[in-house]
């Protein structure tokens, strides 16, 4: 029997109907005792989680710096918090915004650093 390369096998799969692919999967289950669809389904969420984790960031305020009033104003602008809550965040530090895009995180970081704060992206 001839050995197929990966590319030849994939080209052959592209030409099959859905029913033929299902029959192939069933035959693989019977012949090898492995469900290839279960492996593909199990691997997909793990890969998607890594991509999502890498593409989202959390903006963490480390220190408000000397110009705390300017930092409080920026925190209020970004978060929509009241004065007391924003002051508490400036005093204690912490997460300003969580699970946001890298571009948005960089914009927020730049605004806070311009106001005099020390910021970290996690």
C-alpha atoms as a PDB file:
ATOM      1  CA  UNK A   1       0.000   0.000   0.000  1.00  0.00           C
ATOM      2  CA  UNK A   2       1.274   3.458  -0.894  1.00  0.00           C
ATOM      3  CA  UNK A   3       2.082   5.914   1.884  1.00  0.00           C
ATOM      4  CA  UNK A   4       0.365   9.288   1.659  1.00  0.00           C
ATOM      5  CA  UNK A   5       2.015  12.528   2.662  1.00  0.00           C
ATOM      6  CA  UNK A   6       0.148  14.893   4.947  1.00  0.00           C
ATOM      7  CA  UNK A   7      -0.516  17.267   2.039  1.00  0.00           C
ATOM      8  CA  UNK A   8      -1.892  14.477  -0.153  1.00  0.00           C
ATOM      9  CA  UNK A   9      -4.155  13.321   2.666  1.00  0.00           C
ATOM     10  CA  UNK A  10      -5.497  16.840   3.255  1.00  0.00           C
ATOM     11  CA  UNK A  11      -6.057  17.350  -0.471  1.00  0.00           C
ATOM     12  CA  UNK A  12      -8.047  14.123  -0.505  1.00  0.00           C
ATOM     13  CA  UNK A  13     -10.117  15.276   2.481  1.00  0.00           C
ATOM     14  CA  UNK A  14     -10.962  18.536   0.721  1.00  0.00           C
ATOM     15  CA  UNK A  15     -12.528  16.560  -2.115  1.00  0.00           C
ATOM     16  CA  UNK A  16     -14.728  14.469   0.199  1.00  0.00           C
ATOM     17  CA  UNK A  17     -18.313  15.179   1.157  1.00  0.00           C
ATOM     18  CA  UNK A  18     -19.270  15.607   4.820  1.00  0.00           C
ATOM     19  CA  UNK A  19     -20.801  12.119   4.826  1.00  0.00           C
ATOM     20  CA  UNK A  20     -17.582  10.615   3.454  1.00  0.00           C
ATOM     21  CA  UNK A  21     -15.520  12.422   6.114  1.00  0.00           C
ATOM     22  CA  UNK A  22     -17.855  11.127   8.824  1.00  0.00           C
ATOM     23  CA  UNK A  23     -17.475   7.588   7.493  1.00  0.00           C
ATOM     24  CA  UNK A  24     -13.682   8.049   7.514  1.00  0.00           C
ATOM     25  CA  UNK A  25     -13.741   9.228  11.128  1.00  0.00           C
ATOM     26  CA  UNK A  26     -15.927   6.258  12.099  1.00  0.00           C
ATOM     27  CA  UNK A  27     -13.526   3.887  10.333  1.00  0.00           C
ATOM     28  CA  UNK A  28     -10.564   5.466  12.168  1.00  0.00           C
ATOM     29  CA  UNK A  29     -12.374   4.993  15.487  1.00  0.00           C
ATOM     30  CA  UNK A  30     -12.973   1.330  14.678  1.00  0.00           C
ATOM     31  CA  UNK A  31      -9.503   0.619  13.280  1.00  0.00           C
ATOM     32  CA  UNK A  32      -7.352   2.529  15.782  1.00  0.00           C
ATOM     33  CA  UNK A  33      -9.671   2.928  18.784  1.00  0.00           C
ATOM     34  CA  UNK A  34      -9.182   6.697  18.733  1.00  0.00           C
ATOM     35  CA  UNK A  35     -11.764   9.417  18.172  1.00  0.00           C
ATOM     36  CA  UNK A  36      -9.915  12.086  16.127  1.00  0.00           C
ATOM     37  CA  UNK A  37     -12.793  14.542  16.513  1.00  0.00           C
ATOM     38  CA  UNK A  38     -12.475  14.408  20.327  1.00  0.00           C
ATOM     39  CA  UNK A  39      -8.787  15.291  20.111  1.00  0.00           C
ATOM     40  CA  UNK A  40      -9.498  18.243  17.820  1.00  0.00           C
ATOM     41  CA  UNK A  41     -12.288  19.511  20.081  1.00  0.00           C
ATOM     42  CA  UNK A  42     -10.143  19.146  23.217  1.00  0.00           C
ATOM     43  CA  UNK A  43      -7.199  20.989  21.665  1.00  0.00           C
ATOM     44  CA  UNK A  44      -9.198  23.900  20.269  1.00  0.00           C
ATOM     45  CA  UNK A  45     -10.266  25.568  23.563  1.00  0.00           C
ATOM     46  CA  UNK A  46      -6.754  25.485  24.979  1.00  0.00           C
ATOM     47  CA  UNK A  47      -5.355  27.226  21.922  1.00  0.00           C
ATOM     48  CA  UNK A  48      -8.180  29.786  21.899  1.00  0.00           C
ATOM     49  CA  UNK A  49      -7.608  30.550  25.580  1.00  0.00           C
ATOM     50  CA  UNK A  50      -3.927  31.275  24.945  1.00  0.00           C
ATOM     51  CA  UNK A  51      -4.747  33.621  22.070  1.00  0.00           C
ATOM     52  CA  UNK A  52      -7.352  35.452  24.151  1.00  0.00           C
ATOM     53  CA  UNK A  53      -5.001  35.736  27.118  1.00  0.00           C
ATOM     54  CA  UNK A  54      -2.254  37.205  24.959  1.00  0.00           C
ATOM     55  CA  UNK A  55      -4.566  39.688  23.266  1.00  0.00           C
ATOM     56  CA  UNK A  56      -6.139  41.126  26.434  1.00  0.00           C
ATOM     57  CA  UNK A  57      -4.428  43.098  29.162  1.00  0.00           C
ATOM     58  CA  UNK A  58      -5.170  44.565  32.567  1.00  0.00           C
ATOM     59  CA  UNK A  59      -4.007  48.089  33.409  1.00  0.00           C
ATOM     60  CA  UNK A  60      -2.610  48.144  36.959  1.00  0.00           C
ATOM     61  CA  UNK A  61      -1.859  51.384  38.802  1.00  0.00           C
ATOM     62  CA  UNK A  62       1.319  50.919  40.856  1.00  0.00           C
ATOM     63  CA  UNK A  63       1.747  54.470  42.155  1.00  0.00           C
ATOM     64  CA  UNK A  64      -0.130  57.735  41.585  1.00  0.00           C
ATOM     65  CA  UNK A  65       3.051  59.783  41.891  1.00  0.00           C
ATOM     66  CA  UNK A  66       3.339  63.393  43.038  1.00  0.00           C
ATOM     67  CA  UNK A  67       0.530  64.765  40.830  1.00  0.00           C
ATOM     68  CA  UNK A  68      -2.203  62.665  42.438  1.00  0.00           C
ATOM     69  CA  UNK A  69      -5.010  65.082  41.521  1.00  0.00           C
ATOM     70  CA  UNK A  70      -4.203  64.784  37.809  1.00  0.00           C
ATOM     71  CA  UNK A  71      -4.124  60.986  38.123  1.00  0.00           C
ATOM     72  CA  UNK A  72      -7.500  60.984  39.912  1.00  0.00           C
ATOM     73  CA  UNK A  73      -8.979  63.026  37.044  1.00  0.00           C
ATOM     74  CA  UNK A  74      -7.668  60.517  34.490  1.00  0.00           C
ATOM     75  CA  UNK A  75      -8.972  57.566  36.531  1.00  0.00           C
ATOM     76  CA  UNK A  76     -12.418  59.183  36.670  1.00  0.00           C
ATOM     77  CA  UNK A  77     -12.329  59.823  32.923  1.00  0.00           C
ATOM     78  CA  UNK A  78     -11.342  56.208  32.142  1.00  0.00           C
ATOM     79  CA  UNK A  79     -13.542  54.363  34.625  1.00  0.00           C
ATOM     80  CA  UNK A  80     -16.485  56.669  35.214  1.00  0.00           C
ATOM     81  CA  UNK A  81     -15.980  56.312  38.978  1.00  0.00           C
ATOM     82  CA  UNK A  82     -16.942  59.000  41.464  1.00  0.00           C
ATOM     83  CA  UNK A  83     -14.389  61.227  43.131  1.00  0.00           C
ATOM     84  CA  UNK A  84     -14.128  59.176  46.335  1.00  0.00           C
ATOM     85  CA  UNK A  85     -13.696  55.864  44.497  1.00  0.00           C
ATOM     86  CA  UNK A  86     -11.135  57.319  42.088  1.00  0.00           C
ATOM     87  CA  UNK A  87      -9.188  58.854  44.995  1.00  0.00           C
ATOM     88  CA  UNK A  88      -9.210  55.491  46.770  1.00  0.00           C
ATOM     89  CA  UNK A  89      -7.871  53.819  43.647  1.00  0.00           C
ATOM     90  CA  UNK A  90      -5.137  56.470  43.311  1.00  0.00           C
ATOM     91  CA  UNK A  91      -4.188  56.051  46.987  1.00  0.00           C
ATOM     92  CA  UNK A  92      -4.172  52.249  47.010  1.00  0.00           C
ATOM     93  CA  UNK A  93      -3.350  51.354  43.410  1.00  0.00           C
ATOM     94  CA  UNK A  94      -4.858  48.324  41.722  1.00  0.00           C
ATOM     95  CA  UNK A  95      -6.587  47.350  38.519  1.00  0.00           C
ATOM     96  CA  UNK A  96      -7.855  50.318  36.556  1.00  0.00           C
ATOM     97  CA  UNK A  97      -9.375  48.296  33.694  1.00  0.00           C
ATOM     98  CA  UNK A  98      -9.331  44.527  33.111  1.00  0.00           C
ATOM     99  CA  UNK A  99      -9.431  42.297  30.029  1.00  0.00           C
ATOM    100  CA  UNK A 100      -9.144  45.030  27.429  1.00  0.00           C
ATOM    101  CA  UNK A 101      -7.387  45.074  24.080  1.00  0.00           C
ATOM    102  CA  UNK A 102      -3.675  45.766  23.964  1.00  0.00           C
ATOM    103  CA  UNK A 103      -4.256  48.999  22.020  1.00  0.00           C
ATOM    104  CA  UNK A 104      -6.756  50.329  24.567  1.00  0.00           C
ATOM    105  CA  UNK A 105      -4.456  49.283  27.431  1.00  0.00           C
ATOM    106  CA  UNK A 106      -1.544  51.174  25.888  1.00  0.00           C
ATOM    107  CA  UNK A 107      -3.710  54.294  25.442  1.00  0.00           C
ATOM    108  CA  UNK A 108      -4.809  54.196  29.083  1.00  0.00           C
ATOM    109  CA  UNK A 109      -1.254  53.571  30.240  1.00  0.00           C
ATOM    110  CA  UNK A 110      -0.023  56.563  28.250  1.00  0.00           C
ATOM    111  CA  UNK A 111      -2.715  58.854  29.745  1.00  0.00           C
ATOM    112  CA  UNK A 112      -1.930  57.779  33.286  1.00  0.00           C
ATOM    113  CA  UNK A 113       1.836  58.075  32.815  1.00  0.00           C
ATOM    114  CA  UNK A 114       1.371  61.533  31.292  1.00  0.00           C
ATOM    115  CA  UNK A 115      -0.467  62.511  34.487  1.00  0.00           C
ATOM    116  CA  UNK A 116       2.490  61.236  36.540  1.00  0.00           C
ATOM    117  CA  UNK A 117       1.415  57.716  37.539  1.00  0.00           C
ATOM    118  CA  UNK A 118       3.412  54.496  37.425  1.00  0.00           C
ATOM    119  CA  UNK A 119       1.436  51.893  35.475  1.00  0.00           C
ATOM    120  CA  UNK A 120       1.943  48.268  34.524  1.00  0.00           C
ATOM    121  CA  UNK A 121       0.187  46.098  31.926  1.00  0.00           C
ATOM    122  CA  UNK A 122      -0.495  42.552  33.043  1.00  0.00           C
END
